[in-house]
Amino acid sequence: MRIDLVTLFPEMFTGVFGTSIIGRAVERGILEIAYTNFRDYSTDKHRHVDDTPCGGGAGMVLKPEPIYSAVRDIWAKTAAYAGKRCTIIFDPAGPVFTQQTAKELSDYEQIVLICGHYEGFDARVYDLADRRISVGDFVLTGGEIPAMLVVDATARMLPGVLGDETSAPTDSFFDVLLGYPQYTRPREFEGKTVPEVLLSGNHAEIARWRREQSLLATLQYRPEILPMAKLMPEDLKFLALQSK
């Protein structure tokens, strides 16, 4: 199996994947791990990979162009894996990673893992992924640690890495809504545009849109956590309209 890690911090992985079971799997040729720093695909002179969020707000959002270029370059260089690869993005909207997920991923010949950072990805980046994965309802600095978890658990399923398979139940507890989609410049990218409300300057409407998008994302991807969320009367009214 080949695993491609798309990350701003490839040096974070070398110690973890250079030793123990994963290191031996690489030495034996069972596993191949490659690293791509998407900062290398930035086109401005300062090699920026992030920008301020459209509509305002704290933090920085990862731009789509460098990540698209990096992932497409990987796909082109590993064309032999087409149809046998899975491109994954880490996102709380995805199903929680379990032993069953690891077994499913071990059937692929290539996995491409896109690791985020800062306030997250421009929402258009998600179109690159075949599936989204969450490792739990907590906040991490970036996607590198989730990637380590996925690689380790999946590699253990490959013949020759371990003598046998083990499985363990995963319990999850959720108490917050999923986040709303984030966008940054450019305003238009490959026909996909930033929602006009985020460019309106109307902070009340922006806040309303973001709240509604958060509710919609939770309803669509993780409806089981809605009863645990603190919902206002207007939230309940909005959700009721979605079921009609």
Protein backbone atom coordinates (compact mmCIF):
# COMPACT_ATOMS: atom_id res chain seq x y z
CA MET A 1 0.00 0.00 0.00
CA ARG A 2 1.09 3.55 -0.74
CA ILE A 3 0.10 6.37 1.59
CA ASP A 4 0.48 10.01 0.54
CA LEU A 5 0.38 12.66 3.25
CA VAL A 6 -0.49 16.20 2.13
CA THR A 7 0.70 18.43 4.95
CA LEU A 8 2.44 21.65 5.91
CA PHE A 9 4.55 19.74 8.44
CA PRO A 10 6.00 16.52 6.98
CA GLU A 11 8.69 16.49 9.66
CA MET A 12 6.03 15.64 12.25
CA PHE A 13 5.71 12.12 10.81
CA THR A 14 9.29 10.95 10.47
CA GLY A 15 9.79 9.84 14.06
CA VAL A 16 6.43 8.10 14.30
CA PHE A 17 6.63 6.27 10.98
CA GLY A 18 10.35 5.57 11.07
CA THR A 19 10.21 3.21 14.04
CA SER A 20 8.33 0.25 15.46
CA ILE A 21 5.70 -1.64 13.46
CA ILE A 22 5.18 1.04 10.80
CA GLY A 23 8.92 1.50 10.32
CA ARG A 24 9.40 -2.24 9.83
CA ALA A 25 6.51 -2.37 7.36
CA VAL A 26 8.20 0.36 5.32
CA GLU A 27 11.54 -1.47 5.46
CA ARG A 28 9.91 -4.68 4.22
CA GLY A 29 8.21 -2.91 1.33
CA ILE A 30 4.71 -3.66 2.61
CA LEU A 31 4.03 0.04 3.07
CA GLU A 32 5.26 3.08 1.14
CA ILE A 33 4.80 6.51 2.70
CA ALA A 34 5.28 9.73 0.73
CA TYR A 35 5.03 13.34 1.89
CA THR A 36 3.87 16.39 -0.04
CA ASN A 37 4.13 19.87 1.46
CA PHE A 38 1.41 21.90 -0.21
CA ARG A 39 3.27 25.11 0.61
CA ASP A 40 5.53 24.10 -2.28
CA TYR A 41 2.54 24.68 -4.57
CA SER A 42 1.85 28.24 -3.44
CA THR A 43 2.23 30.67 -6.33
CA ASP A 44 2.90 33.96 -4.52
CA LYS A 45 6.37 35.13 -3.57
CA HIS A 46 5.72 34.75 0.15
CA ARG A 47 4.46 31.16 -0.30
CA HIS A 48 1.19 31.90 1.47
CA VAL A 49 -1.25 29.01 1.83
CA ASP A 50 -3.94 30.78 3.87
CA ASP A 51 -6.03 33.93 3.85
CA THR A 52 -8.60 35.72 5.99
CA PRO A 53 -12.14 34.28 6.04
CA CYS A 54 -14.73 35.86 3.77
CA GLY A 55 -17.38 37.51 5.91
CA GLY A 56 -14.93 38.17 8.71
CA GLY A 57 -14.01 36.17 11.76
CA ALA A 58 -10.98 34.99 13.68
CA GLY A 59 -8.11 32.95 12.30
CA MET A 60 -6.97 32.08 8.81
CA VAL A 61 -8.48 29.71 6.24
CA LEU A 62 -6.43 27.43 3.99
CA LYS A 63 -6.66 28.52 0.36
CA PRO A 64 -7.89 26.06 -2.27
CA GLU A 65 -5.25 26.57 -4.99
CA PRO A 66 -2.14 25.06 -3.32
CA ILE A 67 -4.04 22.04 -2.02
CA TYR A 68 -5.74 21.37 -5.36
CA SER A 69 -2.39 21.60 -7.13
CA ALA A 70 -0.64 19.31 -4.64
CA VAL A 71 -3.32 16.62 -4.70
CA ARG A 72 -3.68 16.69 -8.47
CA ASP A 73 0.08 16.36 -8.81
CA ILE A 74 0.01 13.28 -6.58
CA TRP A 75 -2.82 11.79 -8.63
CA ALA A 76 -0.92 12.41 -11.86
CA LYS A 77 2.32 10.90 -10.56
CA THR A 78 0.52 7.83 -9.21
CA ALA A 79 -1.90 7.29 -12.09
CA ALA A 80 -1.43 3.53 -11.82
CA TYR A 81 -3.47 3.63 -8.61
CA ALA A 82 -6.48 5.31 -10.24
CA GLY A 83 -9.60 3.40 -9.27
CA LYS A 84 -7.75 1.81 -6.36
CA ARG A 85 -7.14 4.91 -4.25
CA CYS A 86 -9.09 6.80 -1.63
CA THR A 87 -8.53 10.50 -0.96
CA ILE A 88 -9.47 11.50 2.57
CA ILE A 89 -9.92 14.81 4.33
CA PHE A 90 -10.18 15.18 8.09
CA ASP A 91 -13.37 16.92 9.13
CA PRO A 92 -15.76 16.74 12.12
CA ALA A 93 -18.61 16.28 9.63
CA GLY A 94 -17.26 12.86 8.72
CA PRO A 95 -18.10 9.59 10.42
CA VAL A 96 -15.89 8.79 13.38
CA PHE A 97 -12.90 6.61 12.48
CA THR A 98 -13.27 3.06 13.79
CA GLN A 99 -11.63 -0.31 13.39
CA GLN A 100 -14.16 -1.05 10.65
CA THR A 101 -13.01 2.06 8.79
CA ALA A 102 -9.42 0.85 9.03
CA LYS A 103 -10.43 -2.49 7.53
CA GLU A 104 -12.23 -0.75 4.67
CA LEU A 105 -9.24 1.49 3.93
CA SER A 106 -6.85 -1.46 3.94
CA ASP A 107 -8.57 -2.73 0.79
CA TYR A 108 -7.25 0.24 -1.20
CA GLU A 109 -3.82 0.28 -2.81
CA GLN A 110 -3.32 4.00 -2.20
CA ILE A 111 -4.61 6.42 0.42
CA VAL A 112 -4.15 10.18 0.10
CA LEU A 113 -4.59 12.00 3.43
CA ILE A 114 -5.12 15.78 3.35
CA CYS A 115 -4.12 17.41 6.64
CA GLY A 116 -5.62 20.78 7.51
CA HIS A 117 -4.42 23.49 9.86
CA TYR A 118 -5.40 26.92 11.23
CA GLU A 119 -9.19 27.57 11.01
CA GLY A 120 -9.64 24.81 8.45
CA PHE A 121 -10.07 24.50 4.71
CA ASP A 122 -11.81 26.71 2.21
CA ALA A 123 -15.03 24.72 1.72
CA ARG A 124 -14.18 24.02 -1.93
CA VAL A 125 -11.25 21.84 -0.88
CA TYR A 126 -13.68 19.17 0.32
CA ASP A 127 -14.58 18.41 -3.30
CA LEU A 128 -11.19 16.70 -3.65
CA ALA A 129 -12.04 14.01 -1.11
CA ASP A 130 -13.72 10.66 -1.63
CA ARG A 131 -14.63 10.60 2.03
CA ARG A 132 -14.40 12.64 5.21
CA ILE A 133 -13.15 11.22 8.47
CA SER A 134 -13.37 12.47 12.04
CA VAL A 135 -11.29 11.05 14.87
CA GLY A 136 -13.60 12.41 17.57
CA ASP A 137 -15.36 15.48 18.86
CA PHE A 138 -12.42 17.48 20.14
CA VAL A 139 -10.17 20.16 18.71
CA LEU A 140 -6.63 19.55 17.45
CA THR A 141 -4.09 21.95 16.00
CA GLY A 142 -4.04 20.19 12.64
CA GLY A 143 -4.73 17.01 10.71
CA GLU A 144 -1.32 15.45 11.25
CA ILE A 145 -2.17 13.56 14.43
CA PRO A 146 -5.43 12.19 12.94
CA ALA A 147 -3.40 11.09 9.92
CA MET A 148 -1.01 9.22 12.20
CA LEU A 149 -3.95 7.43 13.79
CA VAL A 150 -5.42 6.43 10.43
CA VAL A 151 -2.09 5.24 9.01
CA ASP A 152 -1.24 3.21 12.09
CA ALA A 153 -4.65 1.54 12.40
CA THR A 154 -4.92 0.85 8.66
CA ALA A 155 -1.37 -0.46 8.28
CA ARG A 156 -2.04 -3.02 11.01
CA MET A 157 -4.69 -4.55 8.75
CA LEU A 158 -2.22 -5.26 5.94
CA PRO A 159 -0.95 -8.84 5.55
CA GLY A 160 2.52 -9.21 6.98
CA VAL A 161 2.42 -6.17 9.24
CA LEU A 162 0.86 -8.03 12.17
CA GLY A 163 0.24 -11.68 12.84
CA ASP A 164 -3.47 -11.17 13.37
CA GLU A 165 -6.16 -8.51 13.46
CA THR A 166 -7.60 -6.92 16.56
CA SER A 167 -10.69 -4.83 16.96
CA ALA A 168 -11.90 -2.52 19.70
CA PRO A 169 -15.19 -0.73 20.20
CA THR A 170 -15.18 3.05 19.84
CA ASP A 171 -17.44 5.14 22.05
CA SER A 172 -18.25 8.69 21.03
CA PHE A 173 -19.90 11.53 22.88
CA PHE A 174 -21.03 14.67 21.11
CA ASP A 175 -22.17 17.93 22.61
CA VAL A 176 -21.66 20.64 19.97
CA LEU A 177 -22.94 21.46 16.49
CA LEU A 178 -20.73 20.98 13.46
CA GLY A 179 -19.08 24.06 12.04
CA TYR A 180 -20.28 26.07 9.08
CA PRO A 181 -18.49 26.10 5.68
CA GLN A 182 -15.53 28.49 5.47
CA TYR A 183 -14.40 30.41 2.39
CA THR A 184 -11.52 32.71 1.53
CA ARG A 185 -10.20 34.38 -1.62
CA PRO A 186 -10.46 33.95 -4.56
CA ARG A 187 -14.14 34.83 -4.86
CA GLU A 188 -14.53 32.34 -7.72
CA PHE A 189 -12.53 29.15 -8.15
CA GLU A 190 -13.18 26.66 -10.94
CA GLY A 191 -16.80 27.76 -11.18
CA LYS A 192 -17.39 27.52 -7.44
CA THR A 193 -18.17 30.86 -5.82
CA VAL A 194 -18.19 32.24 -2.30
CA PRO A 195 -21.81 32.67 -1.08
CA GLU A 196 -22.86 36.27 -1.61
CA VAL A 197 -24.03 36.72 1.98
CA LEU A 198 -20.42 36.38 3.20
CA LEU A 199 -19.42 39.32 1.01
CA SER A 200 -22.41 41.49 1.92
CA GLY A 201 -20.92 43.13 5.01
CA ASN A 202 -24.21 42.49 6.83
CA HIS A 203 -22.92 40.91 10.02
CA ALA A 204 -26.36 39.91 11.28
CA GLU A 205 -27.14 38.06 8.04
CA ILE A 206 -23.69 36.46 8.03
CA ALA A 207 -24.21 35.24 11.59
CA ARG A 208 -27.64 33.89 10.68
CA TRP A 209 -26.30 32.11 7.57
CA ARG A 210 -23.48 30.55 9.55
CA ARG A 211 -25.81 29.33 12.28
CA GLU A 212 -28.19 27.83 9.74
CA GLN A 213 -25.34 26.16 7.84
CA SER A 214 -24.07 24.72 11.11
CA LEU A 215 -27.52 23.32 11.86
CA LEU A 216 -27.83 21.91 8.34
CA ALA A 217 -24.42 20.25 8.49
CA THR A 218 -25.26 18.65 11.82
CA LEU A 219 -28.66 17.52 10.57
CA GLN A 220 -27.14 16.03 7.42
CA TYR A 221 -23.97 14.45 8.76
CA ARG A 222 -24.41 13.90 12.50
CA PRO A 223 -28.12 14.11 13.39
CA GLU A 224 -27.57 12.07 16.54
CA ILE A 225 -25.84 14.97 18.28
CA LEU A 226 -28.66 17.49 17.75
CA PRO A 227 -30.51 16.52 20.97
CA MET A 228 -27.32 17.31 22.90
CA ALA A 229 -26.93 20.78 21.39
CA LYS A 230 -28.22 23.96 23.02
CA LEU A 231 -30.86 25.04 20.51
CA MET A 232 -32.67 28.36 20.53
CA PRO A 233 -36.35 28.69 19.49
CA GLU A 234 -35.30 30.05 16.09
CA ASP A 235 -33.03 27.01 15.64
CA LEU A 236 -35.92 24.65 16.30
CA LYS A 237 -38.11 26.58 13.85
CA PHE A 238 -35.41 26.39 11.18
CA LEU A 239 -34.92 22.65 11.69
CA ALA A 240 -38.66 22.05 11.54
CA LEU A 241 -38.77 23.71 8.13
CA GLN A 242 -36.07 21.34 6.84
CA SER A 243 -38.24 18.31 7.52
CA LYS A 244 -41.13 19.61 5.41
